C-alpha atoms as a PDB file:
ATOM      1  CA  UNK A   1     -17.747  12.785   8.339  1.00  0.00           C
ATOM      2  CA  UNK A   2     -21.270  14.184   8.818  1.00  0.00           C
ATOM      3  CA  UNK A   3     -22.390  12.256   5.744  1.00  0.00           C
ATOM      4  CA  UNK A   4     -20.901   9.073   7.197  1.00  0.00           C
ATOM      5  CA  UNK A   5     -22.759   9.590  10.469  1.00  0.00           C
ATOM      6  CA  UNK A   6     -26.001  10.021   8.525  1.00  0.00           C
ATOM      7  CA  UNK A   7     -25.368   6.846   6.554  1.00  0.00           C
ATOM      8  CA  UNK A   8     -24.608   4.897   9.721  1.00  0.00           C
ATOM      9  CA  UNK A   9     -28.004   5.900  11.146  1.00  0.00           C
ATOM     10  CA  UNK A  10     -29.896   5.137   7.932  1.00  0.00           C
ATOM     11  CA  UNK A  11     -32.084   2.046   8.610  1.00  0.00           C
ATOM     12  CA  UNK A  12     -32.437   1.087   4.942  1.00  0.00           C
ATOM     13  CA  UNK A  13     -28.656   1.227   4.431  1.00  0.00           C
ATOM     14  CA  UNK A  14     -28.013  -0.950   7.468  1.00  0.00           C
ATOM     15  CA  UNK A  15     -30.677  -3.485   6.447  1.00  0.00           C
ATOM     16  CA  UNK A  16     -29.002  -3.774   3.044  1.00  0.00           C
ATOM     17  CA  UNK A  17     -25.577  -4.382   4.533  1.00  0.00           C
ATOM     18  CA  UNK A  18     -26.958  -6.840   7.078  1.00  0.00           C
ATOM     19  CA  UNK A  19     -28.653  -8.869   4.346  1.00  0.00           C
ATOM     20  CA  UNK A  20     -25.374  -9.528   2.529  1.00  0.00           C
ATOM     21  CA  UNK A  21     -22.908  -9.536   5.401  1.00  0.00           C
ATOM     22  CA  UNK A  22     -23.049 -13.208   6.321  1.00  0.00           C
ATOM     23  CA  UNK A  23     -23.275 -14.324   2.695  1.00  0.00           C
ATOM     24  CA  UNK A  24     -20.230 -12.269   1.681  1.00  0.00           C
ATOM     25  CA  UNK A  25     -18.232 -13.527   4.626  1.00  0.00           C
ATOM     26  CA  UNK A  26     -19.051 -17.133   3.834  1.00  0.00           C
ATOM     27  CA  UNK A  27     -18.446 -16.892   0.078  1.00  0.00           C
ATOM     28  CA  UNK A  28     -15.365 -14.653   0.028  1.00  0.00           C
ATOM     29  CA  UNK A  29     -13.506 -15.797   3.136  1.00  0.00           C
ATOM     30  CA  UNK A  30      -9.958 -16.583   2.087  1.00  0.00           C
ATOM     31  CA  UNK A  31     -11.060 -17.921  -1.290  1.00  0.00           C
ATOM     32  CA  UNK A  32     -12.496 -15.079  -3.349  1.00  0.00           C
ATOM     33  CA  UNK A  33     -10.065 -12.468  -4.655  1.00  0.00           C
ATOM     34  CA  UNK A  34     -10.622  -8.800  -5.304  1.00  0.00           C
ATOM     35  CA  UNK A  35     -10.169  -7.681  -8.908  1.00  0.00           C
ATOM     36  CA  UNK A  36      -6.727  -6.391  -9.814  1.00  0.00           C
ATOM     37  CA  UNK A  37      -5.920  -3.662 -12.347  1.00  0.00           C
ATOM     38  CA  UNK A  38      -3.097  -2.419 -14.575  1.00  0.00           C
ATOM     39  CA  UNK A  39      -0.741   0.514 -14.064  1.00  0.00           C
ATOM     40  CA  UNK A  40      -2.634   2.497 -16.700  1.00  0.00           C
ATOM     41  CA  UNK A  41      -5.814   2.212 -14.606  1.00  0.00           C
ATOM     42  CA  UNK A  42      -4.364   3.810 -11.465  1.00  0.00           C
ATOM     43  CA  UNK A  43      -6.490   6.786 -10.444  1.00  0.00           C
ATOM     44  CA  UNK A  44      -4.884  10.219 -10.939  1.00  0.00           C
ATOM     45  CA  UNK A  45      -6.554  11.401  -7.705  1.00  0.00           C
ATOM     46  CA  UNK A  46      -7.066   9.289  -4.602  1.00  0.00           C
ATOM     47  CA  UNK A  47      -9.350  11.122  -2.155  1.00  0.00           C
ATOM     48  CA  UNK A  48      -8.461  11.298   1.531  1.00  0.00           C
ATOM     49  CA  UNK A  49     -11.368  10.090   3.618  1.00  0.00           C
ATOM     50  CA  UNK A  50     -10.376   9.567   7.236  1.00  0.00           C
ATOM     51  CA  UNK A  51      -9.989  11.125  10.625  1.00  0.00           C
ATOM     52  CA  UNK A  52      -7.367  13.913  10.638  1.00  0.00           C
ATOM     53  CA  UNK A  53      -3.742  12.955  10.103  1.00  0.00           C
ATOM     54  CA  UNK A  54      -2.121  12.558  13.556  1.00  0.00           C
ATOM     55  CA  UNK A  55      -0.567  15.807  14.746  1.00  0.00           C
ATOM     56  CA  UNK A  56       0.525  14.947  18.286  1.00  0.00           C
ATOM     57  CA  UNK A  57       4.119  15.057  19.489  1.00  0.00           C
ATOM     58  CA  UNK A  58       4.569  11.303  19.175  1.00  0.00           C
ATOM     59  CA  UNK A  59       3.656  11.272  15.510  1.00  0.00           C
ATOM     60  CA  UNK A  60       5.642  14.446  14.776  1.00  0.00           C
ATOM     61  CA  UNK A  61       8.701  12.774  16.315  1.00  0.00           C
ATOM     62  CA  UNK A  62       8.168   9.677  14.180  1.00  0.00           C
ATOM     63  CA  UNK A  63       7.947  11.826  11.037  1.00  0.00           C
ATOM     64  CA  UNK A  64      11.049  13.796  12.048  1.00  0.00           C
ATOM     65  CA  UNK A  65      13.000  10.543  12.454  1.00  0.00           C
ATOM     66  CA  UNK A  66      11.709   9.272   9.094  1.00  0.00           C
ATOM     67  CA  UNK A  67       9.934   6.609  11.155  1.00  0.00           C
ATOM     68  CA  UNK A  68      13.248   5.191  12.311  1.00  0.00           C
ATOM     69  CA  UNK A  69      11.837   4.748  15.813  1.00  0.00           C
ATOM     70  CA  UNK A  70       8.608   3.151  14.641  1.00  0.00           C
ATOM     71  CA  UNK A  71       7.741  -0.310  15.880  1.00  0.00           C
ATOM     72  CA  UNK A  72       4.696  -2.340  14.920  1.00  0.00           C
ATOM     73  CA  UNK A  73       3.617  -4.146  18.072  1.00  0.00           C
ATOM     74  CA  UNK A  74       2.064  -7.581  17.539  1.00  0.00           C
ATOM     75  CA  UNK A  75       0.851  -9.073  20.782  1.00  0.00           C
ATOM     76  CA  UNK A  76      -2.091 -10.521  22.669  1.00  0.00           C
ATOM     77  CA  UNK A  77      -3.050 -14.170  22.210  1.00  0.00           C
ATOM     78  CA  UNK A  78       0.240 -15.111  20.535  1.00  0.00           C
ATOM     79  CA  UNK A  79       3.161 -17.373  21.414  1.00  0.00           C
ATOM     80  CA  UNK A  80       5.825 -14.916  20.246  1.00  0.00           C
ATOM     81  CA  UNK A  81       4.991 -11.197  20.699  1.00  0.00           C
ATOM     82  CA  UNK A  82       6.903  -8.946  18.318  1.00  0.00           C
ATOM     83  CA  UNK A  83       7.957  -5.327  17.899  1.00  0.00           C
ATOM     84  CA  UNK A  84       8.845  -4.929  14.226  1.00  0.00           C
ATOM     85  CA  UNK A  85      10.763  -1.986  12.793  1.00  0.00           C
ATOM     86  CA  UNK A  86      10.148  -0.720   9.276  1.00  0.00           C
ATOM     87  CA  UNK A  87      13.468  -2.256   8.264  1.00  0.00           C
ATOM     88  CA  UNK A  88      12.275  -5.640   9.508  1.00  0.00           C
ATOM     89  CA  UNK A  89       8.974  -5.291   7.687  1.00  0.00           C
ATOM     90  CA  UNK A  90      10.791  -4.338   4.474  1.00  0.00           C
ATOM     91  CA  UNK A  91      13.080  -7.366   4.863  1.00  0.00           C
ATOM     92  CA  UNK A  92      10.084  -9.702   4.665  1.00  0.00           C
ATOM     93  CA  UNK A  93       8.573 -10.920   1.402  1.00  0.00           C
ATOM     94  CA  UNK A  94       7.006  -7.926  -0.359  1.00  0.00           C
ATOM     95  CA  UNK A  95       3.724  -8.200  -2.247  1.00  0.00           C
ATOM     96  CA  UNK A  96       2.415  -5.633  -4.750  1.00  0.00           C
ATOM     97  CA  UNK A  97      -1.125  -5.444  -6.090  1.00  0.00           C
ATOM     98  CA  UNK A  98      -3.162  -2.823  -7.907  1.00  0.00           C
ATOM     99  CA  UNK A  99      -6.637  -2.866  -6.361  1.00  0.00           C
ATOM    100  CA  UNK A 100      -9.657  -0.630  -5.965  1.00  0.00           C
ATOM    101  CA  UNK A 101     -10.569   1.128  -2.738  1.00  0.00           C
ATOM    102  CA  UNK A 102     -14.353   1.418  -2.337  1.00  0.00           C
ATOM    103  CA  UNK A 103     -15.545   4.028   0.156  1.00  0.00           C
ATOM    104  CA  UNK A 104     -18.877   3.730   1.940  1.00  0.00           C
ATOM    105  CA  UNK A 105     -19.560   7.306   0.793  1.00  0.00           C
ATOM    106  CA  UNK A 106     -19.839   6.079  -2.798  1.00  0.00           C
ATOM    107  CA  UNK A 107     -16.496   6.895  -4.408  1.00  0.00           C
ATOM    108  CA  UNK A 108     -13.747   4.491  -5.470  1.00  0.00           C
ATOM    109  CA  UNK A 109     -10.123   4.842  -6.542  1.00  0.00           C
ATOM    110  CA  UNK A 110      -7.414   2.511  -7.796  1.00  0.00           C
ATOM    111  CA  UNK A 111      -3.846   2.441  -6.490  1.00  0.00           C
ATOM    112  CA  UNK A 112      -0.833   0.161  -6.341  1.00  0.00           C
ATOM    113  CA  UNK A 113      -0.157  -1.063  -2.813  1.00  0.00           C
ATOM    114  CA  UNK A 114       3.010  -2.841  -1.723  1.00  0.00           C
ATOM    115  CA  UNK A 115       3.877  -4.368   1.606  1.00  0.00           C
ATOM    116  CA  UNK A 116       3.804  -7.483   3.738  1.00  0.00           C
ATOM    117  CA  UNK A 117       0.988  -9.976   3.898  1.00  0.00           C
ATOM    118  CA  UNK A 118      -0.715  -9.695   7.258  1.00  0.00           C
ATOM    119  CA  UNK A 119      -0.740 -13.501   7.355  1.00  0.00           C
ATOM    120  CA  UNK A 120       3.077 -13.536   7.220  1.00  0.00           C
ATOM    121  CA  UNK A 121       3.380 -11.120  10.136  1.00  0.00           C
ATOM    122  CA  UNK A 122       0.892 -13.091  12.201  1.00  0.00           C
ATOM    123  CA  UNK A 123       2.791 -16.297  11.435  1.00  0.00           C
ATOM    124  CA  UNK A 124       5.871 -14.782  13.096  1.00  0.00           C
ATOM    125  CA  UNK A 125       3.871 -14.139  16.259  1.00  0.00           C
ATOM    126  CA  UNK A 126       2.194 -17.586  16.203  1.00  0.00           C
ATOM    127  CA  UNK A 127      -1.412 -16.974  17.305  1.00  0.00           C
ATOM    128  CA  UNK A 128      -2.658 -19.291  20.036  1.00  0.00           C
ATOM    129  CA  UNK A 129      -5.547 -21.718  19.677  1.00  0.00           C
ATOM    130  CA  UNK A 130      -7.896 -19.271  21.424  1.00  0.00           C
ATOM    131  CA  UNK A 131      -7.198 -16.495  18.886  1.00  0.00           C
ATOM    132  CA  UNK A 132     -10.268 -15.339  16.960  1.00  0.00           C
ATOM    133  CA  UNK A 133      -9.673 -11.716  15.916  1.00  0.00           C
ATOM    134  CA  UNK A 134      -6.912  -9.239  15.135  1.00  0.00           C
ATOM    135  CA  UNK A 135      -7.551  -5.719  16.452  1.00  0.00           C
ATOM    136  CA  UNK A 136      -5.656  -2.811  14.879  1.00  0.00           C
ATOM    137  CA  UNK A 137      -4.961   0.221  17.042  1.00  0.00           C
ATOM    138  CA  UNK A 138      -4.235   3.427  15.144  1.00  0.00           C
ATOM    139  CA  UNK A 139      -2.590   6.764  15.865  1.00  0.00           C
ATOM    140  CA  UNK A 140      -5.436   8.960  14.581  1.00  0.00           C
ATOM    141  CA  UNK A 141      -8.202  10.247  16.856  1.00  0.00           C
ATOM    142  CA  UNK A 142     -11.434  12.174  16.422  1.00  0.00           C
ATOM    143  CA  UNK A 143     -12.221  15.577  17.927  1.00  0.00           C
ATOM    144  CA  UNK A 144     -13.183  13.917  21.222  1.00  0.00           C
ATOM    145  CA  UNK A 145      -9.902  12.075  21.445  1.00  0.00           C
ATOM    146  CA  UNK A 146     -11.431   8.695  20.587  1.00  0.00           C
ATOM    147  CA  UNK A 147      -8.843   6.635  18.704  1.00  0.00           C
ATOM    148  CA  UNK A 148      -9.541   4.841  15.463  1.00  0.00           C
ATOM    149  CA  UNK A 149      -9.421   1.075  15.582  1.00  0.00           C
ATOM    150  CA  UNK A 150     -10.538  -1.815  13.405  1.00  0.00           C
ATOM    151  CA  UNK A 151     -10.630  -5.605  13.488  1.00  0.00           C
ATOM    152  CA  UNK A 152     -10.670  -8.674  11.282  1.00  0.00           C
ATOM    153  CA  UNK A 153     -11.317 -12.232  12.279  1.00  0.00           C
ATOM    154  CA  UNK A 154      -8.417 -14.635  11.815  1.00  0.00           C
ATOM    155  CA  UNK A 155     -10.053 -16.049   8.696  1.00  0.00           C
ATOM    156  CA  UNK A 156     -10.134 -12.615   7.057  1.00  0.00           C
ATOM    157  CA  UNK A 157      -6.665 -11.741   8.338  1.00  0.00           C
ATOM    158  CA  UNK A 158      -5.199 -14.664   6.405  1.00  0.00           C
ATOM    159  CA  UNK A 159      -6.728 -13.600   3.090  1.00  0.00           C
ATOM    160  CA  UNK A 160      -3.832 -13.526   0.570  1.00  0.00           C
ATOM    161  CA  UNK A 161      -4.591  -9.947  -0.526  1.00  0.00           C
ATOM    162  CA  UNK A 162      -4.724  -8.398   2.944  1.00  0.00           C
ATOM    163  CA  UNK A 163      -1.566  -6.322   3.304  1.00  0.00           C
ATOM    164  CA  UNK A 164       0.217  -4.231   5.850  1.00  0.00           C
ATOM    165  CA  UNK A 165       0.982  -1.669   3.161  1.00  0.00           C
ATOM    166  CA  UNK A 166       4.296   0.185   3.235  1.00  0.00           C
ATOM    167  CA  UNK A 167       4.206   1.814  -0.212  1.00  0.00           C
ATOM    168  CA  UNK A 168       1.520   3.451  -2.345  1.00  0.00           C
ATOM    169  CA  UNK A 169       2.053   3.882  -6.090  1.00  0.00           C
ATOM    170  CA  UNK A 170       5.733   3.065  -5.732  1.00  0.00           C
ATOM    171  CA  UNK A 171       6.639   5.466  -2.913  1.00  0.00           C
ATOM    172  CA  UNK A 172       6.460   5.168   0.883  1.00  0.00           C
ATOM    173  CA  UNK A 173       2.905   5.644   2.160  1.00  0.00           C
ATOM    174  CA  UNK A 174       2.399   9.444   2.380  1.00  0.00           C
ATOM    175  CA  UNK A 175       1.640  10.778   5.848  1.00  0.00           C
ATOM    176  CA  UNK A 176      -1.931  11.733   4.976  1.00  0.00           C
ATOM    177  CA  UNK A 177      -2.608   8.230   3.660  1.00  0.00           C
ATOM    178  CA  UNK A 178      -1.527   6.380   6.793  1.00  0.00           C
ATOM    179  CA  UNK A 179       2.279   6.383   7.068  1.00  0.00           C
ATOM    180  CA  UNK A 180       4.211   4.421   7.910  1.00  0.00           C
ATOM    181  CA  UNK A 181       1.947   1.340   7.897  1.00  0.00           C
ATOM    182  CA  UNK A 182      -1.683   0.987   6.910  1.00  0.00           C
ATOM    183  CA  UNK A 183      -3.974  -1.961   6.386  1.00  0.00           C
ATOM    184  CA  UNK A 184      -5.261  -2.813   2.914  1.00  0.00           C
ATOM    185  CA  UNK A 185      -8.324  -5.059   2.711  1.00  0.00           C
ATOM    186  CA  UNK A 186      -9.466  -4.892  -0.933  1.00  0.00           C
ATOM    187  CA  UNK A 187     -12.386  -7.291  -0.462  1.00  0.00           C
ATOM    188  CA  UNK A 188     -14.084  -4.980   2.047  1.00  0.00           C
ATOM    189  CA  UNK A 189     -15.213  -1.360   2.224  1.00  0.00           C
ATOM    190  CA  UNK A 190     -12.608   1.306   2.822  1.00  0.00           C
ATOM    191  CA  UNK A 191     -13.188   1.887   6.519  1.00  0.00           C
ATOM    192  CA  UNK A 192     -11.736  -1.582   7.201  1.00  0.00           C
ATOM    193  CA  UNK A 193      -8.381  -0.452   5.717  1.00  0.00           C
ATOM    194  CA  UNK A 194      -7.176   1.298   8.861  1.00  0.00           C
ATOM    195  CA  UNK A 195      -4.410   3.889   8.612  1.00  0.00           C
ATOM    196  CA  UNK A 196      -1.491   4.829  10.926  1.00  0.00           C
ATOM    197  CA  UNK A 197      -1.361   1.401  12.570  1.00  0.00           C
ATOM    198  CA  UNK A 198       0.824   1.074  15.652  1.00  0.00           C
ATOM    199  CA  UNK A 199      -0.366  -2.188  17.194  1.00  0.00           C
ATOM    200  CA  UNK A 200      -2.055  -5.430  16.140  1.00  0.00           C
ATOM    201  CA  UNK A 201      -3.505  -7.315  19.083  1.00  0.00           C
ATOM    202  CA  UNK A 202      -4.700 -10.891  18.655  1.00  0.00           C
ATOM    203  CA  UNK A 203      -7.728 -11.470  20.878  1.00  0.00           C
ATOM    204  CA  UNK A 204     -10.468 -13.970  21.621  1.00  0.00           C
ATOM    205  CA  UNK A 205     -13.136 -11.235  21.654  1.00  0.00           C
ATOM    206  CA  UNK A 206     -13.409  -7.501  20.989  1.00  0.00           C
ATOM    207  CA  UNK A 207     -16.598  -7.027  23.030  1.00  0.00           C
ATOM    208  CA  UNK A 208     -14.661  -5.294  25.822  1.00  0.00           C
ATOM    209  CA  UNK A 209     -13.004  -2.728  23.529  1.00  0.00           C
ATOM    210  CA  UNK A 210     -14.475   0.763  23.156  1.00  0.00           C
ATOM    211  CA  UNK A 211     -18.095   0.374  21.970  1.00  0.00           C
ATOM    212  CA  UNK A 212     -17.751  -3.394  21.678  1.00  0.00           C
ATOM    213  CA  UNK A 213     -18.593  -3.688  17.965  1.00  0.00           C
ATOM    214  CA  UNK A 214     -15.082  -4.191  16.597  1.00  0.00           C
ATOM    215  CA  UNK A 215     -14.280  -0.844  15.003  1.00  0.00           C
ATOM    216  CA  UNK A 216     -14.546   2.937  15.246  1.00  0.00           C
ATOM    217  CA  UNK A 217     -17.322   3.183  12.650  1.00  0.00           C
ATOM    218  CA  UNK A 218     -18.915  -0.082  13.697  1.00  0.00           C
ATOM    219  CA  UNK A 219     -19.396   1.399  17.171  1.00  0.00           C
ATOM    220  CA  UNK A 220     -21.465   4.098  15.431  1.00  0.00           C
ATOM    221  CA  UNK A 221     -23.703   1.701  13.526  1.00  0.00           C
ATOM    222  CA  UNK A 222     -21.703   0.417  10.570  1.00  0.00           C
ATOM    223  CA  UNK A 223     -21.631  -3.288   9.788  1.00  0.00           C
ATOM    224  CA  UNK A 224     -18.593  -5.158  11.102  1.00  0.00           C
ATOM    225  CA  UNK A 225     -18.119  -7.277   7.988  1.00  0.00           C
ATOM    226  CA  UNK A 226     -18.100  -4.772   5.158  1.00  0.00           C
ATOM    227  CA  UNK A 227     -17.752  -7.085   2.187  1.00  0.00           C
ATOM    228  CA  UNK A 228     -17.896  -5.608  -1.303  1.00  0.00           C
END
């Protein structure tokens, strides 16, 4: 985490990201696809790079119940707010893809991710005409108690490879990797793939949330659009 803070404050690094941010967003959008891989290319080790795994009573109770009480809240600027159980998410069309996770710290790893397209979940909730972004609220916090959050604009959220992942390498997402639901955005750097998601709020703006820059690391200087 100290290395990440240093990178976020590095002017040269931020100038580099800024120079390609708008171009990547325009060119990739919902058209460009991240490269996919074969089973034989799955990485034997997938590093854990995140805030600590949640350890509060709420998360311990969810783990103890095998996430039977979990509900993914989808609300905000939508016509039909939803509270989806894992069973409901598993009953939806499941997508599997083997993609590479690229961390801002310089490492990458390949894994098979399976779950529901974010676009399909949002379609159930029917975003309103004023919807511009989807904000993901997570169960992990830093040492100060600041929760992790992330956001995508509605264009990014409808990318066909963006998943609410339920399984990793054929098994339910392990706790340390974001159980029971994590975001997978293979066209962007790893910090966009938020773990331990409990709510997706559709909003017109994220300027009023936390530091106002659309994500935990973005509030500390990272670029909001982290295209690879």
